[in-house]
C-alpha atoms as a PDB file:
ATOM      1  CA  UNK A   1      -4.493   9.309  -2.236  1.00  0.00           C
ATOM      2  CA  UNK A   2      -3.241  12.627  -3.500  1.00  0.00           C
ATOM      3  CA  UNK A   3      -0.266  13.211  -5.755  1.00  0.00           C
ATOM      4  CA  UNK A   4       1.655  14.518  -2.750  1.00  0.00           C
ATOM      5  CA  UNK A   5       1.086  11.226  -0.915  1.00  0.00           C
ATOM      6  CA  UNK A   6       2.319   9.276  -3.917  1.00  0.00           C
ATOM      7  CA  UNK A   7       5.497  11.351  -4.102  1.00  0.00           C
ATOM      8  CA  UNK A   8       6.070  10.705  -0.381  1.00  0.00           C
ATOM      9  CA  UNK A   9       5.762   6.975  -1.052  1.00  0.00           C
ATOM     10  CA  UNK A  10       8.330   7.208  -3.828  1.00  0.00           C
ATOM     11  CA  UNK A  11      10.806   8.807  -1.407  1.00  0.00           C
ATOM     12  CA  UNK A  12      10.729   5.787   0.924  1.00  0.00           C
ATOM     13  CA  UNK A  13      13.115   2.864   0.666  1.00  0.00           C
ATOM     14  CA  UNK A  14      11.998  -0.608  -0.377  1.00  0.00           C
ATOM     15  CA  UNK A  15      12.097  -2.057   3.187  1.00  0.00           C
ATOM     16  CA  UNK A  16      10.007   0.876   4.459  1.00  0.00           C
ATOM     17  CA  UNK A  17       7.528   0.347   1.644  1.00  0.00           C
ATOM     18  CA  UNK A  18       7.360  -3.361   2.382  1.00  0.00           C
ATOM     19  CA  UNK A  19       6.555  -2.566   6.016  1.00  0.00           C
ATOM     20  CA  UNK A  20       3.778  -0.193   4.904  1.00  0.00           C
ATOM     21  CA  UNK A  21       2.457  -2.906   2.585  1.00  0.00           C
ATOM     22  CA  UNK A  22       2.349  -5.417   5.454  1.00  0.00           C
ATOM     23  CA  UNK A  23       0.465  -2.907   7.618  1.00  0.00           C
ATOM     24  CA  UNK A  24      -2.029  -2.153   4.837  1.00  0.00           C
ATOM     25  CA  UNK A  25      -2.553  -5.871   4.168  1.00  0.00           C
ATOM     26  CA  UNK A  26      -3.185  -6.479   7.861  1.00  0.00           C
ATOM     27  CA  UNK A  27      -5.654  -3.589   8.011  1.00  0.00           C
ATOM     28  CA  UNK A  28      -7.403  -4.930   4.927  1.00  0.00           C
ATOM     29  CA  UNK A  29      -7.697  -8.356   6.557  1.00  0.00           C
ATOM     30  CA  UNK A  30      -9.218  -6.806   9.679  1.00  0.00           C
ATOM     31  CA  UNK A  31     -11.651  -4.724   7.629  1.00  0.00           C
ATOM     32  CA  UNK A  32     -12.768  -7.760   5.636  1.00  0.00           C
ATOM     33  CA  UNK A  33     -13.235  -9.704   8.856  1.00  0.00           C
ATOM     34  CA  UNK A  34     -15.364  -6.882  10.283  1.00  0.00           C
ATOM     35  CA  UNK A  35     -17.339  -6.774   7.046  1.00  0.00           C
ATOM     36  CA  UNK A  36     -18.147 -10.489   7.224  1.00  0.00           C
ATOM     37  CA  UNK A  37     -19.152 -10.311  10.888  1.00  0.00           C
ATOM     38  CA  UNK A  38     -21.326  -7.243  10.336  1.00  0.00           C
ATOM     39  CA  UNK A  39     -19.311  -4.846  12.510  1.00  0.00           C
ATOM     40  CA  UNK A  40     -18.041  -2.577   9.735  1.00  0.00           C
ATOM     41  CA  UNK A  41     -19.776   0.779   9.455  1.00  0.00           C
ATOM     42  CA  UNK A  42     -17.590   2.490   6.828  1.00  0.00           C
ATOM     43  CA  UNK A  43     -17.620   0.228   3.771  1.00  0.00           C
ATOM     44  CA  UNK A  44     -15.631   2.669   1.642  1.00  0.00           C
ATOM     45  CA  UNK A  45     -12.608   2.099   3.877  1.00  0.00           C
ATOM     46  CA  UNK A  46     -12.121  -1.381   2.364  1.00  0.00           C
ATOM     47  CA  UNK A  47     -11.783   0.080  -1.110  1.00  0.00           C
ATOM     48  CA  UNK A  48      -9.473   2.872   0.068  1.00  0.00           C
ATOM     49  CA  UNK A  49      -7.129   0.476   1.879  1.00  0.00           C
ATOM     50  CA  UNK A  50      -7.135  -1.941  -1.065  1.00  0.00           C
ATOM     51  CA  UNK A  51      -6.123   0.859  -3.419  1.00  0.00           C
ATOM     52  CA  UNK A  52      -3.483   2.178  -1.009  1.00  0.00           C
ATOM     53  CA  UNK A  53      -1.987  -1.321  -0.817  1.00  0.00           C
ATOM     54  CA  UNK A  54      -1.932  -1.546  -4.604  1.00  0.00           C
ATOM     55  CA  UNK A  55      -0.164   1.818  -4.859  1.00  0.00           C
ATOM     56  CA  UNK A  56       2.491   0.743  -2.375  1.00  0.00           C
ATOM     57  CA  UNK A  57       3.117  -2.510  -4.248  1.00  0.00           C
ATOM     58  CA  UNK A  58       3.317  -0.572  -7.519  1.00  0.00           C
ATOM     59  CA  UNK A  59       5.949   1.798  -6.117  1.00  0.00           C
ATOM     60  CA  UNK A  60       7.973  -1.178  -4.854  1.00  0.00           C
ATOM     61  CA  UNK A  61       7.839  -2.679  -8.358  1.00  0.00           C
ATOM     62  CA  UNK A  62       8.900   0.626  -9.909  1.00  0.00           C
ATOM     63  CA  UNK A  63      11.876   0.840  -7.561  1.00  0.00           C
ATOM     64  CA  UNK A  64      12.934  -2.763  -8.253  1.00  0.00           C
ATOM     65  CA  UNK A  65      12.748  -2.194 -12.008  1.00  0.00           C
ATOM     66  CA  UNK A  66      14.753   1.020 -11.654  1.00  0.00           C
ATOM     67  CA  UNK A  67      17.396  -0.824  -9.607  1.00  0.00           C
ATOM     68  CA  UNK A  68      17.614  -3.583 -12.184  1.00  0.00           C
ATOM     69  CA  UNK A  69      18.076  -1.208 -15.106  1.00  0.00           C
ATOM     70  CA  UNK A  70      20.117   1.574 -13.497  1.00  0.00           C
ATOM     71  CA  UNK A  71      21.867  -0.121 -10.627  1.00  0.00           C
ATOM     72  CA  UNK A  72      21.140   1.183  -7.117  1.00  0.00           C
ATOM     73  CA  UNK A  73      18.562   3.910  -7.808  1.00  0.00           C
END
């Protein structure tokens, strides 16, 4: 994920980020299922989706901390 992508994530609201997190988690589940059944051809996708999910969750945490300290940020 590039810096530009991270700044786009930071522009989203918390509900939008939570929706993206759910989608990433679902994709990660499907990729892991494909991996276990032997149908996954691009193994690096698992790592990329896992990291994307972590970034989304991190941005949500940053926004919640900012709201707690500064009010509605």
